[in-house]
Each structure stands twice: as C-alpha cells, then as structure tokens.
Amino acid sequence: MREDIQLSFIECQMPRTPYQLERFVVGQHDTPEMQFVQVCRELEALYYTIKEVGMANKKTELEIAKLRATGDEIDAIDADIKELGLERTRLVAIGARRELDELIKMYDAMPHFTRQQIDESQPDYWQARLGRQANLQMMAGGAGWAHLEALDQIGVLQPMIQAQQAQAKELQK
C-alpha cells in the first residue's frame, strides 16, 4: 500500500469525533449527573477494551514468533496472516486511544457526582428527558402510547392532562 494512503489511514482513525462524543454520546443526556455517568461508562469500556486488546496483541506476537520458528511454509503464511491482523488492530488502537483521550478531557472538564447524587437526580433527569422527547414527538405528529405510559410512570402525565383540560375549559368560556 502507498505510504500516503497508510498515513491517511492513521490520520482518520477515531471511531467517534470529539463533536460526536460531546453532542450525541454524552449530550444525549439531559442532566450533568447522567452526562457524567455516560462519560464514566464510555471511559470504562474503552479502558478495558484497550487493555484486553494489548494483551491479545502480545499473545499474537508470541504465536507469530512460534510459527516463524518452525521453518514450515504453511506456518510462515499463518504468521503473515496474524501479522496482518495485528497491523490492523494496531491501526484501530490509534483511534481508540484518541477517543479515550477526548473522553478524559471531557471527564476533567465536567462536574463529578457521587452515586447518591446520581440517584437523587433521577426524578429530574427522567422528567427532563421524557419531556424533551414528548415535545419532539409532538413536533413529529404526536406522542406514542409507550412514551405516554413512561410519562405516567414518573407521575407527570396526569398533571399534564389536567392542565390541558383546564386550558380547554378556559378557551370554552
């Protein structure tokens, strides 16, 4: 492969851009507490994936060395195949590391919360999230029954219905 193309492979490596992480991964949540939780979950997943892939790479390197040591032609081809996979894994690891670095920047820049604070914020979070989603559904033509049921489960549907009924009565006067 041409070197300029290989350099472009490296340059483009990052599964999700900082913008995507900020807006669509972390920003999907309506409260700082749940944004913090999302960043922590993303960091945890990437951290352990990177560690596991690192160990798998070491194992693959040992397997390649063993295959090369046999002097067998088939083993040499198997070693080449493993090296190709290792090359690709190392390329993908560049992007994973970049994403991890961006998530660490986000983590460092945001407020941190305890488990208790996260738990206590749940009513506000679900009211904000379900309210936002209901507004979006209304803009799209109407809320679905499942969403209305979720609003009822958090105790906001009945007050909304009562407010709507009161407003309708006022308009009839």
C-alpha atoms as a PDB file:
ATOM      1  CA  MET A   1       0.000   0.000   0.000  1.00  0.00           C
ATOM      2  CA  ARG A   2       1.237   3.501  -0.739  1.00  0.00           C
ATOM      3  CA  GLU A   3       2.699   5.327   2.222  1.00  0.00           C
ATOM      4  CA  ASP A   4       0.464   8.387   1.771  1.00  0.00           C
ATOM      5  CA  ILE A   5      -2.617   6.186   1.917  1.00  0.00           C
ATOM      6  CA  GLN A   6      -1.329   4.408   5.006  1.00  0.00           C
ATOM      7  CA  LEU A   7      -0.691   7.780   6.645  1.00  0.00           C
ATOM      8  CA  SER A   8      -4.264   8.773   5.808  1.00  0.00           C
ATOM      9  CA  PHE A   9      -5.489   5.560   7.447  1.00  0.00           C
ATOM     10  CA  ILE A  10      -3.693   6.652  10.610  1.00  0.00           C
ATOM     11  CA  GLU A  11      -4.925  10.244  10.351  1.00  0.00           C
ATOM     12  CA  CYS A  12      -8.572   9.199  10.033  1.00  0.00           C
ATOM     13  CA  GLN A  13      -8.539   6.745  12.935  1.00  0.00           C
ATOM     14  CA  MET A  14     -11.087   7.652  15.576  1.00  0.00           C
ATOM     15  CA  PRO A  15     -14.444   5.889  15.813  1.00  0.00           C
ATOM     16  CA  ARG A  16     -16.301   8.958  17.061  1.00  0.00           C
ATOM     17  CA  THR A  17     -15.158  12.545  16.691  1.00  0.00           C
ATOM     18  CA  PRO A  18     -14.995  14.909  19.672  1.00  0.00           C
ATOM     19  CA  TYR A  19     -18.124  16.583  18.289  1.00  0.00           C
ATOM     20  CA  GLN A  20     -19.985  13.257  18.176  1.00  0.00           C
ATOM     21  CA  LEU A  21     -18.882  12.361  21.686  1.00  0.00           C
ATOM     22  CA  GLU A  22     -19.954  15.742  23.042  1.00  0.00           C
ATOM     23  CA  ARG A  23     -23.267  16.041  21.213  1.00  0.00           C
ATOM     24  CA  PHE A  24     -24.557  12.525  20.595  1.00  0.00           C
ATOM     25  CA  VAL A  25     -22.949  10.312  23.232  1.00  0.00           C
ATOM     26  CA  VAL A  26     -22.691  12.498  26.316  1.00  0.00           C
ATOM     27  CA  GLY A  27     -25.049  15.236  25.122  1.00  0.00           C
ATOM     28  CA  GLN A  28     -27.901  12.793  24.682  1.00  0.00           C
ATOM     29  CA  HIS A  29     -28.436  13.077  28.421  1.00  0.00           C
ATOM     30  CA  ASP A  30     -30.379  15.976  29.887  1.00  0.00           C
ATOM     31  CA  THR A  31     -28.639  16.442  33.226  1.00  0.00           C
ATOM     32  CA  PRO A  32     -24.995  16.859  34.269  1.00  0.00           C
ATOM     33  CA  GLU A  33     -25.252  13.823  36.552  1.00  0.00           C
ATOM     34  CA  MET A  34     -26.215  11.489  33.709  1.00  0.00           C
ATOM     35  CA  GLN A  35     -23.684  13.083  31.374  1.00  0.00           C
ATOM     36  CA  PHE A  36     -21.063  12.248  33.998  1.00  0.00           C
ATOM     37  CA  VAL A  37     -22.343   8.667  34.187  1.00  0.00           C
ATOM     38  CA  GLN A  38     -22.158   8.355  30.379  1.00  0.00           C
ATOM     39  CA  VAL A  39     -18.571   9.629  30.267  1.00  0.00           C
ATOM     40  CA  CYS A  40     -17.619   7.166  33.018  1.00  0.00           C
ATOM     41  CA  ARG A  41     -19.267   4.277  31.151  1.00  0.00           C
ATOM     42  CA  GLU A  42     -17.527   5.208  27.917  1.00  0.00           C
ATOM     43  CA  LEU A  43     -14.170   5.534  29.678  1.00  0.00           C
ATOM     44  CA  GLU A  44     -14.625   2.202  31.419  1.00  0.00           C
ATOM     45  CA  ALA A  45     -15.491   0.376  28.208  1.00  0.00           C
ATOM     46  CA  LEU A  46     -12.588   1.859  26.258  1.00  0.00           C
ATOM     47  CA  TYR A  47     -10.076   1.403  29.061  1.00  0.00           C
ATOM     48  CA  TYR A  48     -10.760  -2.303  29.419  1.00  0.00           C
ATOM     49  CA  THR A  49     -11.009  -2.846  25.676  1.00  0.00           C
ATOM     50  CA  ILE A  50      -7.623  -1.205  25.146  1.00  0.00           C
ATOM     51  CA  LYS A  51      -6.068  -3.301  27.934  1.00  0.00           C
ATOM     52  CA  GLU A  52      -7.589  -6.525  26.597  1.00  0.00           C
ATOM     53  CA  VAL A  53      -6.506  -5.781  23.029  1.00  0.00           C
ATOM     54  CA  GLY A  54      -2.992  -5.038  24.292  1.00  0.00           C
ATOM     55  CA  MET A  55      -2.813  -8.457  25.938  1.00  0.00           C
ATOM     56  CA  ALA A  56      -4.245 -10.144  22.849  1.00  0.00           C
ATOM     57  CA  ASN A  57      -1.590  -8.399  20.742  1.00  0.00           C
ATOM     58  CA  LYS A  58       1.174  -9.739  22.998  1.00  0.00           C
ATOM     59  CA  LYS A  59      -0.264 -13.233  22.651  1.00  0.00           C
ATOM     60  CA  THR A  60      -0.452 -12.857  18.867  1.00  0.00           C
ATOM     61  CA  GLU A  61       3.177 -11.684  18.743  1.00  0.00           C
ATOM     62  CA  LEU A  62       4.215 -14.841  20.640  1.00  0.00           C
ATOM     63  CA  GLU A  63       2.156 -17.006  18.293  1.00  0.00           C
ATOM     64  CA  ILE A  64       3.790 -15.341  15.290  1.00  0.00           C
ATOM     65  CA  ALA A  65       7.258 -15.982  16.714  1.00  0.00           C
ATOM     66  CA  LYS A  66       6.413 -19.656  17.308  1.00  0.00           C
ATOM     67  CA  LEU A  67       5.038 -20.036  13.794  1.00  0.00           C
ATOM     68  CA  ARG A  68       8.122 -18.409  12.248  1.00  0.00           C
ATOM     69  CA  ALA A  69      10.446 -20.595  14.323  1.00  0.00           C
ATOM     70  CA  THR A  70       9.112 -23.815  12.793  1.00  0.00           C
ATOM     71  CA  GLY A  71      10.506 -23.006   9.362  1.00  0.00           C
ATOM     72  CA  ASP A  72       7.359 -24.512   7.798  1.00  0.00           C
ATOM     73  CA  GLU A  73       5.935 -22.678   4.771  1.00  0.00           C
ATOM     74  CA  ILE A  74       2.326 -23.026   5.906  1.00  0.00           C
ATOM     75  CA  ASP A  75       3.265 -21.758   9.365  1.00  0.00           C
ATOM     76  CA  ALA A  76       5.002 -18.792   7.712  1.00  0.00           C
ATOM     77  CA  ILE A  77       1.790 -17.944   5.846  1.00  0.00           C
ATOM     78  CA  ASP A  78      -0.207 -18.311   9.059  1.00  0.00           C
ATOM     79  CA  ALA A  79       2.284 -15.930  10.710  1.00  0.00           C
ATOM     80  CA  ASP A  80       1.804 -13.448   7.840  1.00  0.00           C
ATOM     81  CA  ILE A  81      -1.962 -13.600   8.300  1.00  0.00           C
ATOM     82  CA  LYS A  82      -1.587 -12.992  12.034  1.00  0.00           C
ATOM     83  CA  GLU A  83       0.785 -10.081  11.359  1.00  0.00           C
ATOM     84  CA  LEU A  84      -1.743  -8.540   9.009  1.00  0.00           C
ATOM     85  CA  GLY A  85      -4.408  -8.791  11.706  1.00  0.00           C
ATOM     86  CA  LEU A  86      -2.013  -7.316  14.237  1.00  0.00           C
ATOM     87  CA  GLU A  87      -1.247  -4.423  11.889  1.00  0.00           C
ATOM     88  CA  ARG A  88      -4.955  -3.673  11.533  1.00  0.00           C
ATOM     89  CA  THR A  89      -5.538  -3.963  15.270  1.00  0.00           C
ATOM     90  CA  ARG A  90      -2.718  -1.506  15.947  1.00  0.00           C
ATOM     91  CA  LEU A  91      -4.251   0.921  13.469  1.00  0.00           C
ATOM     92  CA  VAL A  92      -7.674   0.713  15.132  1.00  0.00           C
ATOM     93  CA  ALA A  93      -5.986   1.123  18.534  1.00  0.00           C
ATOM     94  CA  ILE A  94      -4.784   4.577  17.464  1.00  0.00           C
ATOM     95  CA  GLY A  95      -8.408   5.676  17.125  1.00  0.00           C
ATOM     96  CA  ALA A  96      -9.433   4.050  20.392  1.00  0.00           C
ATOM     97  CA  ARG A  97      -6.624   5.859  22.196  1.00  0.00           C
ATOM     98  CA  ARG A  98      -7.646   9.176  20.631  1.00  0.00           C
ATOM     99  CA  GLU A  99     -11.224   8.626  21.726  1.00  0.00           C
ATOM    100  CA  LEU A 100     -10.072   7.715  25.232  1.00  0.00           C
ATOM    101  CA  ASP A 101      -8.032  10.931  25.387  1.00  0.00           C
ATOM    102  CA  GLU A 102     -11.067  13.003  24.339  1.00  0.00           C
ATOM    103  CA  LEU A 103     -13.241  11.333  26.956  1.00  0.00           C
ATOM    104  CA  ILE A 104     -10.620  12.039  29.617  1.00  0.00           C
ATOM    105  CA  LYS A 105     -10.673  15.728  28.605  1.00  0.00           C
ATOM    106  CA  MET A 106     -14.467  15.711  28.941  1.00  0.00           C
ATOM    107  CA  TYR A 107     -14.232  13.960  32.307  1.00  0.00           C
ATOM    108  CA  ASP A 108     -11.727  16.508  33.593  1.00  0.00           C
ATOM    109  CA  ALA A 109     -13.876  19.447  32.417  1.00  0.00           C
ATOM    110  CA  MET A 110     -17.178  18.344  33.930  1.00  0.00           C
ATOM    111  CA  PRO A 111     -18.535  18.273  37.464  1.00  0.00           C
ATOM    112  CA  HIS A 112     -18.216  14.896  39.203  1.00  0.00           C
ATOM    113  CA  PHE A 113     -21.017  13.257  41.172  1.00  0.00           C
ATOM    114  CA  THR A 114     -21.358  10.592  43.828  1.00  0.00           C
ATOM    115  CA  ARG A 115     -23.640   7.576  43.466  1.00  0.00           C
ATOM    116  CA  GLN A 116     -26.027   9.213  45.932  1.00  0.00           C
ATOM    117  CA  GLN A 117     -26.147  12.446  43.910  1.00  0.00           C
ATOM    118  CA  ILE A 118     -26.762  10.486  40.712  1.00  0.00           C
ATOM    119  CA  ASP A 119     -29.584   8.526  42.341  1.00  0.00           C
ATOM    120  CA  GLU A 120     -31.155  11.667  43.804  1.00  0.00           C
ATOM    121  CA  SER A 121     -31.081  13.373  40.390  1.00  0.00           C
ATOM    122  CA  GLN A 122     -33.103  10.633  38.685  1.00  0.00           C
ATOM    123  CA  PRO A 123     -36.570  12.259  39.002  1.00  0.00           C
ATOM    124  CA  ASP A 124     -35.286  15.483  37.427  1.00  0.00           C
ATOM    125  CA  TYR A 125     -33.407  13.556  34.754  1.00  0.00           C
ATOM    126  CA  TRP A 126     -36.371  11.454  33.681  1.00  0.00           C
ATOM    127  CA  GLN A 127     -38.750  14.383  33.731  1.00  0.00           C
ATOM    128  CA  ALA A 128     -36.363  16.416  31.559  1.00  0.00           C
ATOM    129  CA  ARG A 129     -35.636  13.540  29.197  1.00  0.00           C
ATOM    130  CA  LEU A 130     -39.202  12.340  28.769  1.00  0.00           C
ATOM    131  CA  GLY A 131     -40.468  15.909  28.497  1.00  0.00           C
ATOM    132  CA  ARG A 132     -37.942  16.705  25.764  1.00  0.00           C
ATOM    133  CA  GLN A 133     -38.791  13.516  23.922  1.00  0.00           C
ATOM    134  CA  ALA A 134     -42.527  14.199  24.220  1.00  0.00           C
ATOM    135  CA  ASN A 135     -42.017  17.663  22.745  1.00  0.00           C
ATOM    136  CA  LEU A 136     -40.062  16.166  19.861  1.00  0.00           C
ATOM    137  CA  GLN A 137     -42.763  13.554  19.296  1.00  0.00           C
ATOM    138  CA  MET A 138     -45.445  16.241  19.312  1.00  0.00           C
ATOM    139  CA  MET A 139     -43.493  18.163  16.683  1.00  0.00           C
ATOM    140  CA  ALA A 140     -43.425  14.958  14.646  1.00  0.00           C
ATOM    141  CA  GLY A 141     -47.169  14.412  14.902  1.00  0.00           C
ATOM    142  CA  GLY A 142     -47.927  13.027  18.336  1.00  0.00           C
ATOM    143  CA  ALA A 143     -46.521  11.060  21.235  1.00  0.00           C
ATOM    144  CA  GLY A 144     -46.735   7.277  21.126  1.00  0.00           C
ATOM    145  CA  TRP A 145     -48.511   5.269  23.795  1.00  0.00           C
ATOM    146  CA  ALA A 146     -45.253   3.886  25.218  1.00  0.00           C
ATOM    147  CA  HIS A 147     -43.928   7.368  25.771  1.00  0.00           C
ATOM    148  CA  LEU A 148     -47.161   8.488  27.379  1.00  0.00           C
ATOM    149  CA  GLU A 149     -47.006   5.452  29.639  1.00  0.00           C
ATOM    150  CA  ALA A 150     -43.454   6.379  30.677  1.00  0.00           C
ATOM    151  CA  LEU A 151     -44.634   9.908  31.490  1.00  0.00           C
ATOM    152  CA  ASP A 152     -47.414   8.388  33.589  1.00  0.00           C
ATOM    153  CA  GLN A 153     -44.935   6.126  35.391  1.00  0.00           C
ATOM    154  CA  ILE A 154     -42.893   9.111  36.555  1.00  0.00           C
ATOM    155  CA  GLY A 155     -46.033  10.941  37.662  1.00  0.00           C
ATOM    156  CA  VAL A 156     -46.184  13.809  35.146  1.00  0.00           C
ATOM    157  CA  LEU A 157     -48.831  12.639  32.670  1.00  0.00           C
ATOM    158  CA  GLN A 158     -51.884  13.211  34.878  1.00  0.00           C
ATOM    159  CA  PRO A 159     -50.868  16.787  35.779  1.00  0.00           C
ATOM    160  CA  MET A 160     -50.273  17.433  32.060  1.00  0.00           C
ATOM    161  CA  ILE A 161     -53.723  16.082  31.211  1.00  0.00           C
ATOM    162  CA  GLN A 162     -55.322  18.158  33.952  1.00  0.00           C
ATOM    163  CA  ALA A 163     -53.534  21.296  32.768  1.00  0.00           C
ATOM    164  CA  GLN A 164     -54.669  20.582  29.197  1.00  0.00           C
ATOM    165  CA  GLN A 165     -58.262  20.080  30.352  1.00  0.00           C
ATOM    166  CA  ALA A 166     -58.186  23.302  32.385  1.00  0.00           C
ATOM    167  CA  GLN A 167     -56.838  25.178  29.392  1.00  0.00           C
ATOM    168  CA  ALA A 168     -59.588  23.750  27.174  1.00  0.00           C
ATOM    169  CA  LYS A 169     -62.250  24.835  29.710  1.00  0.00           C
ATOM    170  CA  GLU A 170     -60.822  28.356  29.762  1.00  0.00           C
ATOM    171  CA  LEU A 171     -60.957  28.532  25.977  1.00  0.00           C
ATOM    172  CA  GLN A 172     -64.618  27.467  26.021  1.00  0.00           C
ATOM    173  CA  LYS A 173     -65.591  30.405  28.253  1.00  0.00           C
END
